[in-house]
PDB file of all heavy atoms in Angstrom:
ATOM      1  N   MET A   1       0.811  -1.044  -0.032  1.00  0.00           N
ATOM      2  CA  MET A   1       0.073  -0.050   0.067  1.00  0.00           C
ATOM      3  C   MET A   1       0.925   1.263  -0.015  1.00  0.00           C
ATOM      4  O   MET A   1       0.542   2.242  -0.686  1.00  0.00           O
ATOM      5  CB  MET A   1      -0.918   0.053   1.242  1.00  0.00           C
ATOM      6  CG  MET A   1      -2.059  -1.085   1.192  1.00  0.00           C
ATOM      7  SD  MET A   1      -3.160  -1.021   2.553  1.00  0.00           S
ATOM      8  CE  MET A   1      -3.866   0.655   2.380  1.00  0.00           C
ATOM      9  N   VAL A   2       1.915   1.201   0.730  1.00  0.00           N
ATOM     10  CA  VAL A   2       2.839   2.312   0.810  1.00  0.00           C
ATOM     11  C   VAL A   2       3.490   2.521  -0.609  1.00  0.00           C
ATOM     12  O   VAL A   2       3.619   3.727  -1.009  1.00  0.00           O
ATOM     13  CB  VAL A   2       3.964   2.137   1.913  1.00  0.00           C
ATOM     14  CG1 VAL A   2       5.168   3.239   1.615  1.00  0.00           C
ATOM     15  CG2 VAL A   2       3.434   2.325   3.259  1.00  0.00           C
ATOM     16  N   GLY A   3       3.879   1.460  -1.316  1.00  0.00           N
ATOM     17  CA  GLY A   3       4.407   1.633  -2.579  1.00  0.00           C
ATOM     18  C   GLY A   3       3.385   2.113  -3.573  1.00  0.00           C
ATOM     19  O   GLY A   3       3.801   3.099  -4.429  1.00  0.00           O
ATOM     20  N   VAL A   4       2.180   1.661  -3.498  1.00  0.00           N
ATOM     21  CA  VAL A   4       1.146   2.155  -4.437  1.00  0.00           C
ATOM     22  C   VAL A   4       0.845   3.728  -4.282  1.00  0.00           C
ATOM     23  O   VAL A   4       0.737   4.541  -5.124  1.00  0.00           O
ATOM     24  CB  VAL A   4      -0.140   1.383  -4.258  1.00  0.00           C
ATOM     25  CG1 VAL A   4      -1.356   2.193  -5.017  1.00  0.00           C
ATOM     26  CG2 VAL A   4       0.038   0.064  -4.792  1.00  0.00           C
ATOM     27  N   LEU A   5       0.911   4.015  -2.922  1.00  0.00           N
ATOM     28  CA  LEU A   5       0.581   5.510  -2.507  1.00  0.00           C
ATOM     29  C   LEU A   5       1.709   6.364  -3.025  1.00  0.00           C
ATOM     30  O   LEU A   5       1.523   7.532  -3.605  1.00  0.00           O
ATOM     31  CB  LEU A   5       0.502   5.617  -1.042  1.00  0.00           C
ATOM     32  CG  LEU A   5       0.302   6.929  -0.371  1.00  0.00           C
ATOM     33  CD1 LEU A   5      -1.027   7.593  -0.946  1.00  0.00           C
ATOM     34  CD2 LEU A   5       0.331   6.907   1.042  1.00  0.00           C
ATOM     35  N   ALA A   6       2.899   5.863  -2.878  1.00  0.00           N
ATOM     36  CA  ALA A   6       4.098   6.703  -3.246  1.00  0.00           C
ATOM     37  C   ALA A   6       4.114   6.901  -4.808  1.00  0.00           C
ATOM     38  O   ALA A   6       4.287   8.064  -5.391  1.00  0.00           O
ATOM     39  CB  ALA A   6       5.391   6.019  -2.904  1.00  0.00           C
ATOM     40  N   ALA A   7       3.803   5.877  -5.506  1.00  0.00           N
ATOM     41  CA  ALA A   7       3.698   5.958  -7.005  1.00  0.00           C
ATOM     42  C   ALA A   7       2.576   6.859  -7.428  1.00  0.00           C
ATOM     43  O   ALA A   7       2.667   7.727  -8.438  1.00  0.00           O
ATOM     44  CB  ALA A   7       3.502   4.542  -7.644  1.00  0.00           C
ATOM     45  N   SER A   8       1.484   6.746  -6.779  1.00  0.00           N
ATOM     46  CA  SER A   8       0.235   7.635  -7.014  1.00  0.00           C
ATOM     47  C   SER A   8       0.597   9.071  -6.817  1.00  0.00           C
ATOM     48  O   SER A   8       0.144  10.029  -7.569  1.00  0.00           O
ATOM     49  CB  SER A   8      -0.903   7.179  -6.271  1.00  0.00           C
ATOM     50  OG  SER A   8      -1.238   5.775  -6.535  1.00  0.00           O
ATOM     51  N   LEU A   9       1.146   9.373  -5.688  1.00  0.00           N
ATOM     52  CA  LEU A   9       1.480  10.774  -5.460  1.00  0.00           C
ATOM     53  C   LEU A   9       2.540  11.439  -6.399  1.00  0.00           C
ATOM     54  O   LEU A   9       2.396  12.548  -6.742  1.00  0.00           O
ATOM     55  CB  LEU A   9       1.924  10.861  -3.901  1.00  0.00           C
ATOM     56  CG  LEU A   9       1.112  10.629  -2.861  1.00  0.00           C
ATOM     57  CD1 LEU A   9       1.651  10.652  -1.462  1.00  0.00           C
ATOM     58  CD2 LEU A   9      -0.161  11.537  -2.931  1.00  0.00           C
ATOM     59  N   THR A  10       3.419  10.500  -6.737  1.00  0.00           N
ATOM     60  CA  THR A  10       4.452  10.948  -7.761  1.00  0.00           C
ATOM     61  C   THR A  10       3.754  11.380  -9.163  1.00  0.00           C
ATOM     62  O   THR A  10       3.984  12.340  -9.727  1.00  0.00           O
ATOM     63  CB  THR A  10       5.497  10.018  -8.028  1.00  0.00           C
ATOM     64  OG1 THR A  10       6.171   9.608  -6.654  1.00  0.00           O
ATOM     65  CG2 THR A  10       6.601  10.385  -9.005  1.00  0.00           C
ATOM     66  N   PHE A  11       2.854  10.412  -9.483  1.00  0.00           N
ATOM     67  CA  PHE A  11       2.085  10.643 -10.725  1.00  0.00           C
ATOM     68  C   PHE A  11       1.197  11.963 -10.684  1.00  0.00           C
ATOM     69  O   PHE A  11       1.233  12.713 -11.609  1.00  0.00           O
ATOM     70  CB  PHE A  11       1.252   9.356 -11.069  1.00  0.00           C
ATOM     71  CG  PHE A  11       0.522   9.488 -12.237  1.00  0.00           C
ATOM     72  CD1 PHE A  11       1.075   9.320 -13.445  1.00  0.00           C
ATOM     73  CD2 PHE A  11      -0.902   9.882 -12.163  1.00  0.00           C
ATOM     74  CE1 PHE A  11       0.344   9.368 -14.644  1.00  0.00           C
ATOM     75  CE2 PHE A  11      -1.648   9.902 -13.399  1.00  0.00           C
ATOM     76  CZ  PHE A  11      -1.092   9.732 -14.579  1.00  0.00           C
ATOM     77  N   ILE A  12       0.563  12.048  -9.556  1.00  0.00           N
ATOM     78  CA  ILE A  12      -0.365  13.247  -9.401  1.00  0.00           C
ATOM     79  C   ILE A  12       0.530  14.475  -9.351  1.00  0.00           C
ATOM     80  O   ILE A  12       0.201  15.556  -9.921  1.00  0.00           O
ATOM     81  CB  ILE A  12      -1.152  13.153  -8.124  1.00  0.00           C
ATOM     82  CG1 ILE A  12      -2.080  11.960  -8.172  1.00  0.00           C
ATOM     83  CG2 ILE A  12      -1.879  14.418  -7.704  1.00  0.00           C
ATOM     84  CD1 ILE A  12      -2.838  11.696  -6.870  1.00  0.00           C
ATOM     85  N   GLY A  13       1.602  14.433  -8.658  1.00  0.00           N
ATOM     86  CA  GLY A  13       2.566  15.672  -8.709  1.00  0.00           C
ATOM     87  C   GLY A  13       2.997  16.068 -10.106  1.00  0.00           C
ATOM     88  O   GLY A  13       2.930  17.292 -10.454  1.00  0.00           O
ATOM     89  N   PHE A  14       3.388  15.156 -10.859  1.00  0.00           N
ATOM     90  CA  PHE A  14       3.737  15.456 -12.295  1.00  0.00           C
ATOM     91  C   PHE A  14       2.490  16.074 -13.229  1.00  0.00           C
ATOM     92  O   PHE A  14       2.564  16.909 -13.984  1.00  0.00           O
ATOM     93  CB  PHE A  14       4.308  14.286 -13.075  1.00  0.00           C
ATOM     94  CG  PHE A  14       5.750  14.188 -12.831  1.00  0.00           C
ATOM     95  CD1 PHE A  14       6.265  13.560 -11.777  1.00  0.00           C
ATOM     96  CD2 PHE A  14       6.686  14.708 -13.799  1.00  0.00           C
ATOM     97  CE1 PHE A  14       7.692  13.421 -11.595  1.00  0.00           C
ATOM     98  CE2 PHE A  14       8.005  14.571 -13.503  1.00  0.00           C
ATOM     99  CZ  PHE A  14       8.477  13.967 -12.468  1.00  0.00           C
ATOM    100  N   ARG A  15       1.379  15.396 -12.853  1.00  0.00           N
ATOM    101  CA  ARG A  15       0.094  15.929 -13.614  1.00  0.00           C
ATOM    102  C   ARG A  15      -0.164  17.341 -13.214  1.00  0.00           C
ATOM    103  O   ARG A  15      -0.649  18.063 -14.028  1.00  0.00           O
ATOM    104  CB  ARG A  15      -1.088  15.047 -13.186  1.00  0.00           C
ATOM    105  CG  ARG A  15      -1.030  13.692 -13.914  1.00  0.00           C
ATOM    106  CD  ARG A  15      -1.261  13.890 -15.346  1.00  0.00           C
ATOM    107  NE  ARG A  15      -1.507  12.666 -16.103  1.00  0.00           N
ATOM    108  CZ  ARG A  15      -1.633  12.580 -17.322  1.00  0.00           C
ATOM    109  NH1 ARG A  15      -1.553  13.603 -18.158  1.00  0.00           N
ATOM    110  NH2 ARG A  15      -1.773  11.463 -17.997  1.00  0.00           N
ATOM    111  N   LEU A  16       0.004  17.693 -11.890  1.00  0.00           N
ATOM    112  CA  LEU A  16      -0.362  19.091 -11.430  1.00  0.00           C
ATOM    113  C   LEU A  16       0.520  20.086 -12.180  1.00  0.00           C
ATOM    114  O   LEU A  16       0.159  21.232 -12.457  1.00  0.00           O
ATOM    115  CB  LEU A  16      -0.229  19.229  -9.933  1.00  0.00           C
ATOM    116  CG  LEU A  16      -1.189  18.346  -9.124  1.00  0.00           C
ATOM    117  CD1 LEU A  16      -0.924  18.572  -7.643  1.00  0.00           C
ATOM    118  CD2 LEU A  16      -2.608  19.006  -9.411  1.00  0.00           C
ATOM    119  N   VAL A  17       1.719  19.624 -12.502  1.00  0.00           N
ATOM    120  CA  VAL A  17       2.654  20.797 -13.326  1.00  0.00           C
ATOM    121  C   VAL A  17       2.667  20.427 -14.693  1.00  0.00           C
ATOM    122  O   VAL A  17       3.544  20.902 -15.379  1.00  0.00           O
ATOM    123  CB  VAL A  17       4.043  20.501 -12.700  1.00  0.00           C
ATOM    124  CG1 VAL A  17       4.169  20.687 -11.250  1.00  0.00           C
ATOM    125  CG2 VAL A  17       4.664  19.064 -12.880  1.00  0.00           C
ATOM    126  N   ARG A  18       1.650  19.504 -15.213  1.00  0.00           N
ATOM    127  CA  ARG A  18       1.467  19.329 -16.506  1.00  0.00           C
ATOM    128  C   ARG A  18       2.784  18.752 -17.217  1.00  0.00           C
ATOM    129  O   ARG A  18       3.231  19.247 -18.267  1.00  0.00           O
ATOM    130  CB  ARG A  18       1.018  20.604 -17.343  1.00  0.00           C
ATOM    131  CG  ARG A  18      -0.369  21.107 -16.799  1.00  0.00           C
ATOM    132  CD  ARG A  18      -0.635  22.402 -17.584  1.00  0.00           C
ATOM    133  NE  ARG A  18      -1.881  22.949 -17.059  1.00  0.00           N
ATOM    134  CZ  ARG A  18      -3.122  22.590 -17.335  1.00  0.00           C
ATOM    135  NH1 ARG A  18      -3.255  21.660 -18.221  1.00  0.00           N
ATOM    136  NH2 ARG A  18      -4.125  23.209 -16.862  1.00  0.00           N
ATOM    137  N   ALA A  19       3.295  17.763 -16.503  1.00  0.00           N
ATOM    138  CA  ALA A  19       4.649  17.192 -17.149  1.00  0.00           C
ATOM    139  C   ALA A  19       4.402  15.662 -17.158  1.00  0.00           C
ATOM    140  O   ALA A  19       3.551  15.121 -16.421  1.00  0.00           O
ATOM    141  CB  ALA A  19       5.761  17.619 -16.280  1.00  0.00           C
ATOM    142  N   GLU A  20       5.137  14.960 -17.827  1.00  0.00           N
ATOM    143  CA  GLU A  20       5.003  13.493 -17.974  1.00  0.00           C
ATOM    144  C   GLU A  20       6.275  12.879 -17.248  1.00  0.00           C
ATOM    145  O   GLU A  20       7.388  13.205 -17.555  1.00  0.00           O
ATOM    146  CB  GLU A  20       5.185  12.993 -19.450  1.00  0.00           C
ATOM    147  CG  GLU A  20       4.857  11.673 -19.651  1.00  0.00           C
ATOM    148  CD  GLU A  20       3.364  11.306 -19.487  1.00  0.00           C
ATOM    149  OE1 GLU A  20       2.621  12.254 -19.592  1.00  0.00           O
ATOM    150  OE2 GLU A  20       3.008  10.071 -19.217  1.00  0.00           O
ATOM    151  N   PRO A  21       5.989  12.221 -16.201  1.00  0.00           N
ATOM    152  CA  PRO A  21       7.190  11.496 -15.412  1.00  0.00           C
ATOM    153  C   PRO A  21       7.860  10.480 -16.254  1.00  0.00           C
ATOM    154  O   PRO A  21       7.352   9.759 -17.125  1.00  0.00           O
ATOM    155  CB  PRO A  21       6.337  10.834 -14.246  1.00  0.00           C
ATOM    156  CG  PRO A  21       5.001  10.489 -14.836  1.00  0.00           C
ATOM    157  CD  PRO A  21       4.711  11.659 -15.805  1.00  0.00           C
ATOM    158  N   PRO A  22       9.240  10.384 -15.989  1.00  0.00           N
ATOM    159  CA  PRO A  22      10.024   9.461 -16.746  1.00  0.00           C
ATOM    160  C   PRO A  22       9.350   8.057 -16.410  1.00  0.00           C
ATOM    161  O   PRO A  22       8.905   7.811 -15.209  1.00  0.00           O
ATOM    162  CB  PRO A  22      11.334   9.547 -16.173  1.00  0.00           C
ATOM    163  CG  PRO A  22      11.360  11.054 -15.543  1.00  0.00           C
ATOM    164  CD  PRO A  22      10.090  11.312 -15.053  1.00  0.00           C
ATOM    165  N   ARG A  23       9.528   7.031 -17.420  1.00  0.00           N
ATOM    166  CA  ARG A  23       8.981   5.752 -17.136  1.00  0.00           C
ATOM    167  C   ARG A  23       9.613   5.032 -16.025  1.00  0.00           C
ATOM    168  O   ARG A  23       8.759   4.161 -15.407  1.00  0.00           O
ATOM    169  CB  ARG A  23       9.160   4.875 -18.481  1.00  0.00           C
ATOM    170  CG  ARG A  23       8.514   5.533 -19.604  1.00  0.00           C
ATOM    171  CD  ARG A  23       8.733   4.750 -20.883  1.00  0.00           C
ATOM    172  NE  ARG A  23       8.261   3.421 -20.798  1.00  0.00           N
ATOM    173  CZ  ARG A  23       8.284   2.557 -21.751  1.00  0.00           C
ATOM    174  NH1 ARG A  23       8.879   2.869 -22.848  1.00  0.00           N
ATOM    175  NH2 ARG A  23       7.741   1.321 -21.646  1.00  0.00           N
ATOM    176  N   TRP A  24      10.745   5.387 -15.609  1.00  0.00           N
ATOM    177  CA  TRP A  24      11.427   4.658 -14.501  1.00  0.00           C
ATOM    178  C   TRP A  24      11.005   5.248 -13.105  1.00  0.00           C
ATOM    179  O   TRP A  24      11.231   4.597 -12.125  1.00  0.00           O
ATOM    180  CB  TRP A  24      12.914   4.688 -14.741  1.00  0.00           C
ATOM    181  CG  TRP A  24      13.591   6.044 -14.654  1.00  0.00           C
ATOM    182  CD1 TRP A  24      13.748   6.844 -15.846  1.00  0.00           C
ATOM    183  CD2 TRP A  24      13.880   6.973 -13.559  1.00  0.00           C
ATOM    184  NE1 TRP A  24      14.212   8.130 -15.577  1.00  0.00           N
ATOM    185  CE2 TRP A  24      14.235   8.129 -14.125  1.00  0.00           C
ATOM    186  CE3 TRP A  24      13.832   6.736 -12.297  1.00  0.00           C
ATOM    187  CZ2 TRP A  24      14.811   9.168 -13.429  1.00  0.00           C
ATOM    188  CZ3 TRP A  24      14.157   7.771 -11.575  1.00  0.00           C
ATOM    189  CH2 TRP A  24      14.646   8.945 -12.004  1.00  0.00           C
ATOM    190  N   LEU A  25      10.486   6.381 -13.145  1.00  0.00           N
ATOM    191  CA  LEU A  25      10.389   7.125 -11.898  1.00  0.00           C
ATOM    192  C   LEU A  25       9.338   6.571 -10.976  1.00  0.00           C
ATOM    193  O   LEU A  25       9.459   6.533  -9.680  1.00  0.00           O
ATOM    194  CB  LEU A  25      10.037   8.634 -12.196  1.00  0.00           C
ATOM    195  CG  LEU A  25      10.017   9.496 -10.921  1.00  0.00           C
ATOM    196  CD1 LEU A  25      11.203   9.413 -10.216  1.00  0.00           C
ATOM    197  CD2 LEU A  25       9.596  11.004 -11.237  1.00  0.00           C
ATOM    198  N   LEU A  26       7.997   6.088 -11.624  1.00  0.00           N
ATOM    199  CA  LEU A  26       6.990   5.689 -10.751  1.00  0.00           C
ATOM    200  C   LEU A  26       7.357   4.346 -10.023  1.00  0.00           C
ATOM    201  O   LEU A  26       7.154   4.298  -8.832  1.00  0.00           O
ATOM    202  CB  LEU A  26       5.762   5.396 -11.465  1.00  0.00           C
ATOM    203  CG  LEU A  26       5.089   6.767 -12.183  1.00  0.00           C
ATOM    204  CD1 LEU A  26       3.829   6.388 -12.836  1.00  0.00           C
ATOM    205  CD2 LEU A  26       4.984   7.707 -11.116  1.00  0.00           C
ATOM    206  N   PRO A  27       7.981   3.301 -10.640  1.00  0.00           N
ATOM    207  CA  PRO A  27       8.428   2.042  -9.978  1.00  0.00           C
ATOM    208  C   PRO A  27       9.544   2.473  -8.999  1.00  0.00           C
ATOM    209  O   PRO A  27       9.601   1.757  -7.865  1.00  0.00           O
ATOM    210  CB  PRO A  27       8.814   1.167 -11.009  1.00  0.00           C
ATOM    211  CG  PRO A  27       9.041   2.074 -12.252  1.00  0.00           C
ATOM    212  CD  PRO A  27       8.094   3.154 -12.167  1.00  0.00           C
ATOM    213  N   ALA A  28      10.360   3.467  -9.342  1.00  0.00           N
ATOM    214  CA  ALA A  28      11.507   3.675  -8.425  1.00  0.00           C
ATOM    215  C   ALA A  28      11.017   4.338  -7.177  1.00  0.00           C
ATOM    216  O   ALA A  28      11.479   4.022  -6.020  1.00  0.00           O
ATOM    217  CB  ALA A  28      12.436   4.780  -9.132  1.00  0.00           C
ATOM    218  N   ALA A  29      10.050   5.325  -7.276  1.00  0.00           N
ATOM    219  CA  ALA A  29       9.326   5.897  -6.124  1.00  0.00           C
ATOM    220  C   ALA A  29       8.656   4.912  -5.198  1.00  0.00           C
ATOM    221  O   ALA A  29       8.763   4.844  -3.938  1.00  0.00           O
ATOM    222  CB  ALA A  29       8.407   7.011  -6.602  1.00  0.00           C
ATOM    223  N   ALA A  30       7.977   3.917  -5.909  1.00  0.00           N
ATOM    224  CA  ALA A  30       7.204   2.875  -5.264  1.00  0.00           C
ATOM    225  C   ALA A  30       8.280   1.975  -4.432  1.00  0.00           C
ATOM    226  O   ALA A  30       8.108   1.610  -3.177  1.00  0.00           O
ATOM    227  CB  ALA A  30       6.374   2.117  -6.116  1.00  0.00           C
ATOM    228  N   GLY A  31       9.377   1.520  -5.128  1.00  0.00           N
ATOM    229  CA  GLY A  31      10.277   0.723  -4.574  1.00  0.00           C
ATOM    230  C   GLY A  31      11.089   1.392  -3.276  1.00  0.00           C
ATOM    231  O   GLY A  31      11.356   0.786  -2.312  1.00  0.00           O
ATOM    232  N   LEU A  32      11.431   2.672  -3.450  1.00  0.00           N
ATOM    233  CA  LEU A  32      12.151   3.322  -2.437  1.00  0.00           C
ATOM    234  C   LEU A  32      11.152   3.537  -1.200  1.00  0.00           C
ATOM    235  O   LEU A  32      11.652   3.387  -0.040  1.00  0.00           O
ATOM    236  CB  LEU A  32      12.502   4.711  -2.897  1.00  0.00           C
ATOM    237  CG  LEU A  32      13.318   5.641  -1.869  1.00  0.00           C
ATOM    238  CD1 LEU A  32      14.574   4.898  -1.499  1.00  0.00           C
ATOM    239  CD2 LEU A  32      13.582   7.077  -2.528  1.00  0.00           C
ATOM    240  N   ALA A  33       9.912   3.877  -1.417  1.00  0.00           N
ATOM    241  CA  ALA A  33       8.965   4.087  -0.346  1.00  0.00           C
ATOM    242  C   ALA A  33       8.721   2.767   0.393  1.00  0.00           C
ATOM    243  O   ALA A  33       8.712   2.730   1.670  1.00  0.00           O
ATOM    244  CB  ALA A  33       7.570   4.553  -0.892  1.00  0.00           C
ATOM    245  N   MET A  34       8.742   1.632  -0.357  1.00  0.00           N
ATOM    246  CA  MET A  34       8.483   0.372   0.384  1.00  0.00           C
ATOM    247  C   MET A  34       9.720  -0.080   1.079  1.00  0.00           C
ATOM    248  O   MET A  34       9.650  -0.635   2.201  1.00  0.00           O
ATOM    249  CB  MET A  34       8.182  -0.869  -0.760  1.00  0.00           C
ATOM    250  CG  MET A  34       6.775  -0.642  -1.346  1.00  0.00           C
ATOM    251  SD  MET A  34       6.188  -1.948  -2.373  1.00  0.00           S
ATOM    252  CE  MET A  34       7.374  -1.879  -3.787  1.00  0.00           C
ATOM    253  N   LEU A  35      10.860   0.251   0.558  1.00  0.00           N
ATOM    254  CA  LEU A  35      12.147  -0.135   1.213  1.00  0.00           C
ATOM    255  C   LEU A  35      12.162   0.740   2.657  1.00  0.00           C
ATOM    256  O   LEU A  35      12.478   0.165   3.572  1.00  0.00           O
ATOM    257  CB  LEU A  35      13.274   0.174   0.428  1.00  0.00           C
ATOM    258  CG  LEU A  35      14.742   0.072   1.190  1.00  0.00           C
ATOM    259  CD1 LEU A  35      14.846  -1.450   1.425  1.00  0.00           C
ATOM    260  CD2 LEU A  35      15.866   0.379   0.150  1.00  0.00           C
ATOM    261  N   ILE A  36      11.939   1.935   2.539  1.00  0.00           N
ATOM    262  CA  ILE A  36      11.881   2.778   3.718  1.00  0.00           C
ATOM    263  C   ILE A  36      10.878   2.315   4.779  1.00  0.00           C
ATOM    264  O   ILE A  36      11.170   2.232   6.095  1.00  0.00           O
ATOM    265  CB  ILE A  36      11.721   4.240   3.354  1.00  0.00           C
ATOM    266  CG1 ILE A  36      12.838   4.753   2.537  1.00  0.00           C
ATOM    267  CG2 ILE A  36      11.576   5.115   4.686  1.00  0.00           C
ATOM    268  CD1 ILE A  36      12.703   6.280   1.967  1.00  0.00           C
ATOM    269  N   PHE A  37       9.726   1.925   4.322  1.00  0.00           N
ATOM    270  CA  PHE A  37       8.675   1.412   5.155  1.00  0.00           C
ATOM    271  C   PHE A  37       9.151   0.194   5.949  1.00  0.00           C
ATOM    272  O   PHE A  37       8.881  -0.051   7.018  1.00  0.00           O
ATOM    273  CB  PHE A  37       7.412   1.139   4.419  1.00  0.00           C
ATOM    274  CG  PHE A  37       6.309   0.706   5.290  1.00  0.00           C
ATOM    275  CD1 PHE A  37       5.551   1.460   6.159  1.00  0.00           C
ATOM    276  CD2 PHE A  37       6.038  -0.753   5.139  1.00  0.00           C
ATOM    277  CE1 PHE A  37       4.583   0.841   6.918  1.00  0.00           C
ATOM    278  CE2 PHE A  37       5.047  -1.256   5.960  1.00  0.00           C
ATOM    279  CZ  PHE A  37       4.103  -0.469   6.829  1.00  0.00           C
ATOM    280  N   HIS A  38       9.721  -0.702   5.025  1.00  0.00           N
ATOM    281  CA  HIS A  38      10.171  -2.010   5.613  1.00  0.00           C
ATOM    282  C   HIS A  38      11.233  -1.900   6.663  1.00  0.00           C
ATOM    283  O   HIS A  38      11.165  -2.436   7.745  1.00  0.00           O
ATOM    284  CB  HIS A  38      10.653  -2.861   4.470  1.00  0.00           C
ATOM    285  CG  HIS A  38      11.150  -4.215   4.920  1.00  0.00           C
ATOM    286  ND1 HIS A  38      10.145  -5.155   5.450  1.00  0.00           N
ATOM    287  CD2 HIS A  38      12.336  -4.703   5.133  1.00  0.00           C
ATOM    288  CE1 HIS A  38      10.902  -6.384   5.719  1.00  0.00           C
ATOM    289  NE2 HIS A  38      12.145  -6.100   5.513  1.00  0.00           N
ATOM    290  N   ILE A  39      12.148  -0.873   6.440  1.00  0.00           N
ATOM    291  CA  ILE A  39      13.321  -0.710   7.296  1.00  0.00           C
ATOM    292  C   ILE A  39      12.743  -0.148   8.685  1.00  0.00           C
ATOM    293  O   ILE A  39      13.055  -0.570   9.766  1.00  0.00           O
ATOM    294  CB  ILE A  39      14.374   0.312   6.747  1.00  0.00           C
ATOM    295  CG1 ILE A  39      15.028  -0.481   5.555  1.00  0.00           C
ATOM    296  CG2 ILE A  39      15.323   0.671   7.705  1.00  0.00           C
ATOM    297  CD1 ILE A  39      16.050   0.426   4.682  1.00  0.00           C
ATOM    298  N   ALA A  40      11.756   0.875   8.491  1.00  0.00           N
ATOM    299  CA  ALA A  40      11.225   1.484   9.708  1.00  0.00           C
ATOM    300  C   ALA A  40      10.480   0.506  10.542  1.00  0.00           C
ATOM    301  O   ALA A  40      10.418   0.601  11.720  1.00  0.00           O
ATOM    302  CB  ALA A  40      10.329   2.657   9.303  1.00  0.00           C
ATOM    303  N   SER A  41       9.736  -0.353   9.849  1.00  0.00           N
ATOM    304  CA  SER A  41       8.994  -1.419  10.496  1.00  0.00           C
ATOM    305  C   SER A  41       9.848  -2.266  11.308  1.00  0.00           C
ATOM    306  O   SER A  41       9.566  -2.665  12.470  1.00  0.00           O
ATOM    307  CB  SER A  41       8.078  -2.098   9.538  1.00  0.00           C
ATOM    308  OG  SER A  41       7.316  -3.183  10.209  1.00  0.00           O
ATOM    309  N   ASP A  42      11.033  -2.678  10.763  1.00  0.00           N
ATOM    310  CA  ASP A  42      11.899  -3.531  11.438  1.00  0.00           C
ATOM    311  C   ASP A  42      12.510  -2.839  12.694  1.00  0.00           C
ATOM    312  O   ASP A  42      12.515  -3.638  13.698  1.00  0.00           O
ATOM    313  CB  ASP A  42      13.109  -3.874  10.487  1.00  0.00           C
ATOM    314  CG  ASP A  42      12.863  -4.971   9.521  1.00  0.00           C
ATOM    315  OD1 ASP A  42      11.763  -5.555   9.661  1.00  0.00           O
ATOM    316  OD2 ASP A  42      13.631  -5.178   8.516  1.00  0.00           O
ATOM    317  N   TYR A  43      12.774  -1.745  12.506  1.00  0.00           N
ATOM    318  CA  TYR A  43      13.327  -0.945  13.701  1.00  0.00           C
ATOM    319  C   TYR A  43      12.321  -0.678  14.721  1.00  0.00           C
ATOM    320  O   TYR A  43      12.547  -0.596  16.071  1.00  0.00           O
ATOM    321  CB  TYR A  43      14.071   0.359  13.349  1.00  0.00           C
ATOM    322  CG  TYR A  43      15.512   0.104  12.812  1.00  0.00           C
ATOM    323  CD1 TYR A  43      15.641  -0.110  11.492  1.00  0.00           C
ATOM    324  CD2 TYR A  43      16.548   0.020  13.582  1.00  0.00           C
ATOM    325  CE1 TYR A  43      16.826  -0.331  10.922  1.00  0.00           C
ATOM    326  CE2 TYR A  43      17.786  -0.203  13.029  1.00  0.00           C
ATOM    327  CZ  TYR A  43      17.971  -0.366  11.729  1.00  0.00           C
ATOM    328  OH  TYR A  43      19.385  -0.537  11.192  1.00  0.00           O
TER     329      TYR A  43
END
């Protein structure tokens, strides 16, 4: 859910500025958010 939320917010942010996000950015944002969430949960 954190990954989906991060990708969605990134997509919405680019839409608001009328820009097209790079194809790699959405999965990268989702992956980074999930990694941070997992680490925080472990600690």
